[in-house]
């Protein structure tokens, strides 16, 4: 992996599905998916920091290094919230 790929790391990935000229449906557009942080960790180091039991139940993981906030990329942001 070169330095260029490391600089471009993001847990949110996007791709555009193939759409044929003969496809009767409209193009879908861009599709998004999220990759979890543990994919990029070769092994789990010993003595990692841990959430409290209550916080771990809320987050869904015991270790902060493996927790990733998910923001829905399909949700339309409102410009005027009046």
N, C-alpha and C. Protein backbone atom coordinates (compact mmCIF):
# COMPACT_ATOMS: atom_id res chain seq x y z
N UNK A 1 0.85 -1.17 0.00
CA UNK A 1 0.00 0.00 0.00
C UNK A 1 0.90 1.23 0.00
N UNK A 2 0.72 2.10 -0.95
CA UNK A 2 1.55 3.30 -1.00
C UNK A 2 0.93 4.42 -0.17
N UNK A 3 1.65 5.52 -0.02
CA UNK A 3 1.19 6.63 0.80
C UNK A 3 -0.07 7.28 0.23
N UNK A 4 -0.24 7.22 -1.07
CA UNK A 4 -1.43 7.82 -1.69
C UNK A 4 -2.70 7.12 -1.22
N UNK A 5 -2.69 5.80 -1.12
CA UNK A 5 -3.85 5.05 -0.68
C UNK A 5 -4.12 5.28 0.80
N UNK A 6 -3.09 5.42 1.61
CA UNK A 6 -3.29 5.68 3.04
C UNK A 6 -3.95 7.03 3.25
N UNK A 7 -3.59 8.02 2.45
CA UNK A 7 -4.17 9.35 2.59
C UNK A 7 -5.63 9.37 2.17
N UNK A 8 -6.03 8.43 1.31
CA UNK A 8 -7.39 8.41 0.79
C UNK A 8 -8.32 7.49 1.60
N UNK A 9 -7.89 6.98 2.76
CA UNK A 9 -8.70 6.07 3.56
C UNK A 9 -9.96 6.74 4.06
N UNK A 10 -11.07 6.06 3.91
CA UNK A 10 -12.34 6.49 4.47
C UNK A 10 -13.19 5.25 4.75
N UNK A 11 -13.92 5.20 5.86
CA UNK A 11 -14.74 4.03 6.12
C UNK A 11 -16.00 3.99 5.25
N UNK A 12 -16.35 5.11 4.60
CA UNK A 12 -17.52 5.15 3.74
C UNK A 12 -17.06 5.04 2.29
N UNK A 13 -17.53 4.01 1.61
CA UNK A 13 -17.16 3.78 0.23
C UNK A 13 -18.37 4.02 -0.67
N UNK A 14 -18.11 4.29 -1.95
CA UNK A 14 -19.20 4.53 -2.90
C UNK A 14 -18.86 3.88 -4.23
N UNK A 15 -19.90 3.48 -4.92
CA UNK A 15 -19.72 2.95 -6.28
C UNK A 15 -20.99 3.26 -7.08
N UNK A 16 -20.87 3.21 -8.38
CA UNK A 16 -22.00 3.44 -9.27
C UNK A 16 -22.29 2.12 -9.98
N UNK A 17 -23.46 1.50 -9.73
CA UNK A 17 -23.79 0.23 -10.37
C UNK A 17 -23.90 0.39 -11.89
N UNK A 18 -23.57 -0.68 -12.60
CA UNK A 18 -23.66 -0.66 -14.06
C UNK A 18 -25.11 -0.49 -14.49
N UNK A 19 -25.34 0.35 -15.46
CA UNK A 19 -26.67 0.55 -16.03
C UNK A 19 -26.56 0.41 -17.53
N UNK A 20 -27.24 -0.57 -18.08
CA UNK A 20 -27.20 -0.83 -19.52
C UNK A 20 -28.09 0.16 -20.26
N UNK A 21 -27.78 0.36 -21.51
CA UNK A 21 -28.61 1.21 -22.37
C UNK A 21 -29.98 0.56 -22.55
N UNK A 22 -30.04 -0.75 -22.49
CA UNK A 22 -31.28 -1.49 -22.70
C UNK A 22 -32.04 -1.77 -21.41
N UNK A 23 -31.56 -1.31 -20.30
CA UNK A 23 -32.23 -1.52 -19.02
C UNK A 23 -33.49 -0.64 -18.97
N UNK A 24 -34.67 -1.24 -18.73
CA UNK A 24 -35.90 -0.43 -18.73
C UNK A 24 -36.07 0.46 -17.49
N UNK A 25 -35.33 0.19 -16.42
CA UNK A 25 -35.46 0.97 -15.19
C UNK A 25 -34.52 2.17 -15.21
N UNK A 26 -34.85 3.15 -14.40
CA UNK A 26 -33.97 4.32 -14.26
C UNK A 26 -32.66 3.91 -13.61
N UNK A 27 -31.57 4.64 -13.86
CA UNK A 27 -30.32 4.35 -13.15
C UNK A 27 -30.48 4.57 -11.65
N UNK A 28 -29.82 3.75 -10.89
CA UNK A 28 -29.91 3.85 -9.43
C UNK A 28 -29.12 5.04 -8.92
N UNK A 29 -28.01 5.32 -9.51
CA UNK A 29 -27.15 6.40 -9.03
C UNK A 29 -26.03 5.82 -8.18
N UNK A 30 -25.55 6.59 -7.27
CA UNK A 30 -24.44 6.17 -6.42
C UNK A 30 -24.96 5.36 -5.24
N UNK A 31 -24.30 4.23 -4.95
CA UNK A 31 -24.62 3.40 -3.80
C UNK A 31 -23.47 3.54 -2.80
N UNK A 32 -23.79 3.56 -1.52
CA UNK A 32 -22.80 3.73 -0.46
C UNK A 32 -22.79 2.51 0.45
N UNK A 33 -21.62 2.21 1.00
CA UNK A 33 -21.51 1.18 2.03
C UNK A 33 -20.39 1.56 2.98
N UNK A 34 -20.51 1.07 4.19
CA UNK A 34 -19.54 1.40 5.23
C UNK A 34 -18.70 0.17 5.56
N UNK A 35 -17.41 0.37 5.75
CA UNK A 35 -16.52 -0.73 6.14
C UNK A 35 -16.12 -0.54 7.60
N UNK A 36 -16.18 -1.61 8.40
CA UNK A 36 -15.86 -1.49 9.81
C UNK A 36 -14.36 -1.31 10.06
N UNK A 37 -13.99 -0.65 11.15
CA UNK A 37 -12.58 -0.38 11.46
C UNK A 37 -11.74 -1.64 11.64
N UNK A 38 -12.33 -2.75 12.11
CA UNK A 38 -11.52 -3.94 12.35
C UNK A 38 -10.97 -4.54 11.06
N UNK A 39 -11.50 -4.18 9.91
CA UNK A 39 -10.94 -4.66 8.64
C UNK A 39 -9.54 -4.12 8.40
N UNK A 40 -9.24 -2.98 8.97
CA UNK A 40 -7.97 -2.31 8.73
C UNK A 40 -6.96 -2.54 9.85
N UNK A 41 -7.34 -3.37 10.82
CA UNK A 41 -6.45 -3.69 11.93
C UNK A 41 -5.96 -5.12 11.74
N UNK A 42 -4.67 -5.33 11.67
CA UNK A 42 -4.13 -6.67 11.44
C UNK A 42 -4.41 -7.62 12.59
N UNK A 43 -4.33 -7.13 13.81
CA UNK A 43 -4.57 -7.94 14.99
C UNK A 43 -5.04 -7.02 16.11
N UNK A 44 -5.59 -7.59 17.15
CA UNK A 44 -6.05 -6.80 18.28
C UNK A 44 -4.91 -6.69 19.29
N UNK A 45 -4.38 -5.48 19.48
CA UNK A 45 -3.29 -5.31 20.43
C UNK A 45 -3.74 -5.58 21.87
N UNK A 46 -2.85 -6.05 22.72
CA UNK A 46 -3.22 -6.30 24.11
C UNK A 46 -3.43 -4.97 24.86
N UNK A 47 -4.21 -5.04 25.92
CA UNK A 47 -4.47 -3.90 26.82
C UNK A 47 -5.12 -2.71 26.11
N UNK A 48 -6.05 -2.99 25.20
CA UNK A 48 -6.76 -1.90 24.54
C UNK A 48 -7.71 -1.22 25.51
N UNK A 49 -7.93 0.06 25.30
CA UNK A 49 -8.88 0.81 26.12
C UNK A 49 -10.28 0.22 25.92
N UNK A 50 -11.09 0.22 27.00
CA UNK A 50 -12.43 -0.35 26.93
C UNK A 50 -13.47 0.66 27.37
N UNK A 51 -14.67 0.53 26.78
CA UNK A 51 -15.81 1.31 27.25
C UNK A 51 -16.29 0.72 28.58
N UNK A 52 -17.05 1.49 29.34
CA UNK A 52 -17.71 0.95 30.53
C UNK A 52 -18.78 -0.03 30.04
N UNK A 53 -19.22 -0.97 30.88
CA UNK A 53 -20.23 -1.94 30.42
C UNK A 53 -21.50 -1.28 29.87
N UNK A 54 -21.98 -0.23 30.52
CA UNK A 54 -23.18 0.46 30.06
C UNK A 54 -22.95 1.12 28.69
N UNK A 55 -21.81 1.78 28.55
CA UNK A 55 -21.47 2.43 27.28
C UNK A 55 -21.25 1.41 26.17
N UNK A 56 -20.65 0.26 26.51
CA UNK A 56 -20.41 -0.79 25.53
C UNK A 56 -21.72 -1.35 24.98
N UNK A 57 -22.73 -1.46 25.82
CA UNK A 57 -24.03 -1.93 25.36
C UNK A 57 -24.66 -0.92 24.41
N UNK A 58 -24.48 0.36 24.66
CA UNK A 58 -25.02 1.40 23.77
C UNK A 58 -24.29 1.43 22.43
N UNK A 59 -22.97 1.28 22.47
CA UNK A 59 -22.16 1.38 21.26
C UNK A 59 -22.15 0.09 20.45
N UNK A 60 -22.35 -1.06 21.12
CA UNK A 60 -22.33 -2.33 20.42
C UNK A 60 -20.96 -2.97 20.34
N UNK A 61 -19.99 -2.39 21.02
CA UNK A 61 -18.64 -2.97 21.07
C UNK A 61 -17.98 -2.57 22.37
N UNK A 62 -17.05 -3.37 22.81
CA UNK A 62 -16.35 -3.10 24.06
C UNK A 62 -15.18 -2.14 23.87
N UNK A 63 -14.61 -2.11 22.68
CA UNK A 63 -13.40 -1.33 22.44
C UNK A 63 -13.66 -0.10 21.58
N UNK A 64 -13.24 1.08 22.02
CA UNK A 64 -13.45 2.30 21.23
C UNK A 64 -12.77 2.26 19.85
N UNK A 65 -11.69 1.51 19.72
CA UNK A 65 -11.00 1.43 18.43
C UNK A 65 -11.86 0.74 17.37
N UNK A 66 -12.81 -0.09 17.80
CA UNK A 66 -13.66 -0.81 16.86
C UNK A 66 -15.01 -0.15 16.65
N UNK A 67 -15.29 0.94 17.32
CA UNK A 67 -16.57 1.61 17.18
C UNK A 67 -16.49 2.64 16.07
N UNK A 68 -17.51 2.67 15.25
CA UNK A 68 -17.56 3.62 14.15
C UNK A 68 -18.97 4.19 14.06
N UNK A 69 -19.07 5.50 14.10
CA UNK A 69 -20.37 6.15 13.99
C UNK A 69 -20.88 6.03 12.57
N UNK A 70 -22.13 5.67 12.40
CA UNK A 70 -22.72 5.54 11.07
C UNK A 70 -23.65 6.71 10.83
N UNK A 71 -23.37 7.45 9.79
CA UNK A 71 -24.26 8.53 9.36
C UNK A 71 -24.87 8.11 8.04
N UNK A 72 -26.18 8.13 7.96
CA UNK A 72 -26.88 7.67 6.77
C UNK A 72 -26.58 8.59 5.58
N UNK A 73 -25.89 8.09 4.54
CA UNK A 73 -25.55 8.94 3.40
C UNK A 73 -26.75 9.24 2.51
N UNK A 74 -27.83 8.46 2.65
CA UNK A 74 -29.01 8.65 1.82
C UNK A 74 -29.98 9.68 2.40
N UNK A 75 -29.80 10.01 3.66
CA UNK A 75 -30.69 10.96 4.31
C UNK A 75 -30.46 12.35 3.73
N UNK A 76 -31.53 12.97 3.27
CA UNK A 76 -31.42 14.30 2.68
C UNK A 76 -31.32 15.32 3.80
N UNK A 77 -30.32 16.17 3.69
CA UNK A 77 -30.17 17.22 4.69
C UNK A 77 -31.09 18.39 4.33
N UNK A 78 -31.85 18.83 5.32
CA UNK A 78 -32.77 19.94 5.09
C UNK A 78 -32.03 21.26 5.15
N UNK A 79 -32.30 22.11 4.20
CA UNK A 79 -31.63 23.43 4.18
C UNK A 79 -32.28 24.39 5.17
N UNK A 80 -33.60 24.41 5.16
CA UNK A 80 -34.33 25.32 6.04
C UNK A 80 -35.18 24.51 7.01
N UNK A 81 -34.78 24.53 8.27
CA UNK A 81 -35.55 23.82 9.30
C UNK A 81 -36.34 24.84 10.11
N UNK A 82 -37.41 25.33 9.53
CA UNK A 82 -38.25 26.32 10.22
C UNK A 82 -39.57 25.72 10.61
